[in-house]
Amino acid sequence: MEIDIRPHAREQMSKYNIEEEMIIKCLENPDFIKDSHSNRAIYHKKLNGYVLRIIVEESKEIKRVITTYKARSKRYEI
């Protein structure tokens, strides 16, 4: 499946020091996936006291990364 990282997501990756490899690993093997609205899903991956959250629009052919950020893991119990 193709992964398309949108410009806003790339800005957030730079801001939060998130590497593309981290995004790919999370999308391939998330710790938790939460359904969202409008064909979107939120992928979660635990990272040393933080959780990587990736908001994705999904279709059969592509996962389009809309945005991503790191949050304190206490806020999201996964």
N, C-alpha and C. Protein backbone atom coordinates (compact mmCIF):
# COMPACT_ATOMS: atom_id res chain seq x y z
N MET A 1 0.84 -1.18 0.00
CA MET A 1 0.00 0.00 0.00
C MET A 1 0.88 1.25 0.00
N GLU A 2 0.49 2.22 -0.76
CA GLU A 2 1.24 3.47 -0.88
C GLU A 2 0.99 4.36 0.34
N ILE A 3 2.03 5.07 0.77
CA ILE A 3 1.93 6.04 1.85
C ILE A 3 2.27 7.41 1.29
N ASP A 4 1.35 8.36 1.47
CA ASP A 4 1.51 9.73 0.99
C ASP A 4 1.54 10.66 2.20
N ILE A 5 2.68 11.27 2.45
CA ILE A 5 2.81 12.19 3.58
C ILE A 5 2.59 13.60 3.07
N ARG A 6 1.51 14.21 3.53
CA ARG A 6 1.10 15.54 3.07
C ARG A 6 2.02 16.63 3.63
N PRO A 7 2.06 17.80 3.01
CA PRO A 7 2.96 18.88 3.45
C PRO A 7 2.79 19.28 4.92
N HIS A 8 1.55 19.37 5.40
CA HIS A 8 1.36 19.73 6.81
C HIS A 8 1.99 18.69 7.73
N ALA A 9 1.83 17.42 7.39
CA ALA A 9 2.42 16.35 8.19
C ALA A 9 3.95 16.48 8.19
N ARG A 10 4.52 16.82 7.06
CA ARG A 10 5.99 17.00 6.99
C ARG A 10 6.44 18.17 7.88
N GLU A 11 5.65 19.23 7.93
CA GLU A 11 5.97 20.35 8.83
C GLU A 11 5.95 19.89 10.28
N GLN A 12 4.94 19.11 10.62
CA GLN A 12 4.83 18.59 11.99
C GLN A 12 5.98 17.62 12.31
N MET A 13 6.38 16.83 11.33
CA MET A 13 7.50 15.91 11.52
C MET A 13 8.75 16.69 11.88
N SER A 14 8.97 17.80 11.21
CA SER A 14 10.13 18.64 11.49
C SER A 14 10.01 19.25 12.89
N LYS A 15 8.85 19.78 13.21
CA LYS A 15 8.61 20.41 14.51
C LYS A 15 8.83 19.45 15.67
N TYR A 16 8.35 18.20 15.54
CA TYR A 16 8.42 17.23 16.62
C TYR A 16 9.57 16.24 16.48
N ASN A 17 10.46 16.48 15.52
CA ASN A 17 11.60 15.60 15.29
C ASN A 17 11.16 14.14 15.07
N ILE A 18 10.26 13.96 14.13
CA ILE A 18 9.74 12.64 13.77
C ILE A 18 10.30 12.27 12.40
N GLU A 19 10.97 11.14 12.34
CA GLU A 19 11.55 10.70 11.08
C GLU A 19 10.53 9.90 10.26
N GLU A 20 10.69 9.93 8.95
CA GLU A 20 9.78 9.20 8.07
C GLU A 20 9.75 7.71 8.41
N GLU A 21 10.89 7.17 8.78
CA GLU A 21 10.96 5.75 9.17
C GLU A 21 10.02 5.45 10.36
N MET A 22 9.91 6.39 11.30
CA MET A 22 9.02 6.22 12.44
C MET A 22 7.56 6.16 11.98
N ILE A 23 7.22 7.01 11.02
CA ILE A 23 5.86 7.03 10.47
C ILE A 23 5.55 5.68 9.82
N ILE A 24 6.44 5.21 8.99
CA ILE A 24 6.23 3.95 8.28
C ILE A 24 6.09 2.79 9.26
N LYS A 25 6.96 2.73 10.27
CA LYS A 25 6.89 1.65 11.27
C LYS A 25 5.56 1.68 12.02
N CYS A 26 5.11 2.88 12.37
CA CYS A 26 3.84 3.00 13.09
C CYS A 26 2.67 2.56 12.21
N LEU A 27 2.68 2.95 10.95
CA LEU A 27 1.59 2.56 10.07
C LEU A 27 1.58 1.06 9.79
N GLU A 28 2.76 0.44 9.79
CA GLU A 28 2.85 -1.00 9.55
C GLU A 28 2.55 -1.82 10.80
N ASN A 29 2.88 -1.27 11.98
CA ASN A 29 2.73 -2.04 13.21
C ASN A 29 2.33 -1.11 14.37
N PRO A 30 1.11 -0.57 14.35
CA PRO A 30 0.69 0.35 15.41
C PRO A 30 0.39 -0.38 16.71
N ASP A 31 0.49 0.34 17.83
CA ASP A 31 0.07 -0.22 19.11
C ASP A 31 -1.45 -0.16 19.25
N PHE A 32 -2.06 0.82 18.59
CA PHE A 32 -3.51 1.01 18.69
C PHE A 32 -3.97 1.85 17.50
N ILE A 33 -5.15 1.56 17.00
CA ILE A 33 -5.76 2.37 15.94
C ILE A 33 -7.15 2.78 16.42
N LYS A 34 -7.43 4.07 16.33
CA LYS A 34 -8.75 4.59 16.71
C LYS A 34 -9.42 5.14 15.46
N ASP A 35 -10.67 4.72 15.23
CA ASP A 35 -11.43 5.26 14.11
C ASP A 35 -11.76 6.72 14.37
N SER A 36 -11.79 7.48 13.31
CA SER A 36 -12.13 8.89 13.40
C SER A 36 -13.19 9.18 12.34
N HIS A 37 -13.42 10.42 12.02
CA HIS A 37 -14.45 10.78 11.05
C HIS A 37 -13.89 10.82 9.63
N SER A 38 -14.77 10.81 8.66
CA SER A 38 -14.43 11.00 7.24
C SER A 38 -13.34 10.07 6.72
N ASN A 39 -13.48 8.78 6.95
CA ASN A 39 -12.50 7.78 6.49
C ASN A 39 -11.11 8.01 7.07
N ARG A 40 -11.05 8.60 8.24
CA ARG A 40 -9.76 8.82 8.90
C ARG A 40 -9.59 7.86 10.06
N ALA A 41 -8.33 7.58 10.35
CA ALA A 41 -7.98 6.76 11.49
C ALA A 41 -6.79 7.42 12.19
N ILE A 42 -6.68 7.16 13.49
CA ILE A 42 -5.55 7.69 14.25
C ILE A 42 -4.71 6.52 14.72
N TYR A 43 -3.50 6.46 14.22
CA TYR A 43 -2.55 5.40 14.57
C TYR A 43 -1.72 5.88 15.77
N HIS A 44 -1.48 4.96 16.71
CA HIS A 44 -0.71 5.29 17.91
C HIS A 44 0.47 4.33 18.05
N LYS A 45 1.60 4.87 18.48
CA LYS A 45 2.79 4.06 18.76
C LYS A 45 3.48 4.64 19.99
N LYS A 46 3.76 3.79 20.98
CA LYS A 46 4.43 4.22 22.21
C LYS A 46 5.90 4.53 21.94
N LEU A 47 6.38 5.65 22.53
CA LEU A 47 7.77 6.09 22.36
C LEU A 47 8.29 6.69 23.66
N ASN A 48 8.97 5.97 24.49
CA ASN A 48 9.67 6.51 25.67
C ASN A 48 8.93 7.62 26.40
N GLY A 49 7.77 7.33 26.96
CA GLY A 49 7.01 8.33 27.70
C GLY A 49 6.09 9.17 26.85
N TYR A 50 6.17 8.99 25.54
CA TYR A 50 5.31 9.72 24.61
C TYR A 50 4.56 8.72 23.75
N VAL A 51 3.58 9.24 23.04
CA VAL A 51 2.89 8.43 22.05
C VAL A 51 2.92 9.20 20.73
N LEU A 52 3.30 8.52 19.69
CA LEU A 52 3.28 9.10 18.35
C LEU A 52 1.86 8.91 17.82
N ARG A 53 1.23 10.01 17.41
CA ARG A 53 -0.13 9.95 16.86
C ARG A 53 -0.05 10.39 15.40
N ILE A 54 -0.67 9.58 14.54
CA ILE A 54 -0.66 9.86 13.11
C ILE A 54 -2.10 9.81 12.62
N ILE A 55 -2.59 10.93 12.08
CA ILE A 55 -3.93 10.99 11.53
C ILE A 55 -3.84 10.69 10.04
N VAL A 56 -4.60 9.68 9.62
CA VAL A 56 -4.47 9.13 8.28
C VAL A 56 -5.83 9.04 7.60
N GLU A 57 -5.91 9.45 6.35
CA GLU A 57 -7.07 9.17 5.50
C GLU A 57 -6.73 7.89 4.75
N GLU A 58 -7.63 6.92 4.83
CA GLU A 58 -7.34 5.61 4.24
C GLU A 58 -8.29 5.26 3.11
N SER A 59 -7.73 4.62 2.12
CA SER A 59 -8.52 3.99 1.06
C SER A 59 -7.86 2.64 0.78
N LYS A 60 -8.37 1.92 -0.16
CA LYS A 60 -7.80 0.60 -0.48
C LYS A 60 -6.39 0.71 -1.03
N GLU A 61 -6.09 1.81 -1.73
CA GLU A 61 -4.81 1.96 -2.42
C GLU A 61 -3.77 2.77 -1.66
N ILE A 62 -4.21 3.66 -0.75
CA ILE A 62 -3.27 4.62 -0.18
C ILE A 62 -3.62 4.97 1.26
N LYS A 63 -2.56 5.23 2.03
CA LYS A 63 -2.70 5.82 3.36
C LYS A 63 -2.11 7.22 3.24
N ARG A 64 -2.95 8.23 3.41
CA ARG A 64 -2.53 9.63 3.26
C ARG A 64 -2.37 10.21 4.66
N VAL A 65 -1.12 10.52 5.04
CA VAL A 65 -0.82 11.06 6.37
C VAL A 65 -1.17 12.55 6.35
N ILE A 66 -2.19 12.91 7.14
CA ILE A 66 -2.67 14.29 7.20
C ILE A 66 -1.84 15.12 8.17
N THR A 67 -1.61 14.58 9.36
CA THR A 67 -0.78 15.24 10.35
C THR A 67 -0.24 14.21 11.33
N THR A 68 0.73 14.62 12.12
CA THR A 68 1.33 13.75 13.11
C THR A 68 1.93 14.60 14.22
N TYR A 69 2.03 14.02 15.39
CA TYR A 69 2.65 14.72 16.52
C TYR A 69 2.93 13.73 17.64
N LYS A 70 3.77 14.16 18.58
CA LYS A 70 4.03 13.39 19.79
C LYS A 70 3.25 14.02 20.93
N ALA A 71 2.67 13.18 21.77
CA ALA A 71 1.94 13.66 22.94
C ALA A 71 2.38 12.83 24.15
N ARG A 72 2.19 13.38 25.33
CA ARG A 72 2.53 12.63 26.54
C ARG A 72 1.64 11.40 26.63
N SER A 73 2.26 10.26 26.92
CA SER A 73 1.51 9.00 26.92
C SER A 73 0.44 8.96 28.01
N LYS A 74 0.59 9.74 29.07
CA LYS A 74 -0.41 9.77 30.14
C LYS A 74 -1.75 10.25 29.61
N ARG A 75 -1.73 11.08 28.60
CA ARG A 75 -2.96 11.62 28.04
C ARG A 75 -3.74 10.57 27.24
N TYR A 76 -3.03 9.62 26.65
CA TYR A 76 -3.64 8.58 25.84
C TYR A 76 -3.28 7.24 26.42
N GLU A 77 -4.21 6.60 27.04
CA GLU A 77 -3.93 5.31 27.70
C GLU A 77 -4.00 4.18 26.69
N ILE A 78 -2.81 3.85 26.17
CA ILE A 78 -2.74 2.72 25.23
C ILE A 78 -1.70 1.74 25.73
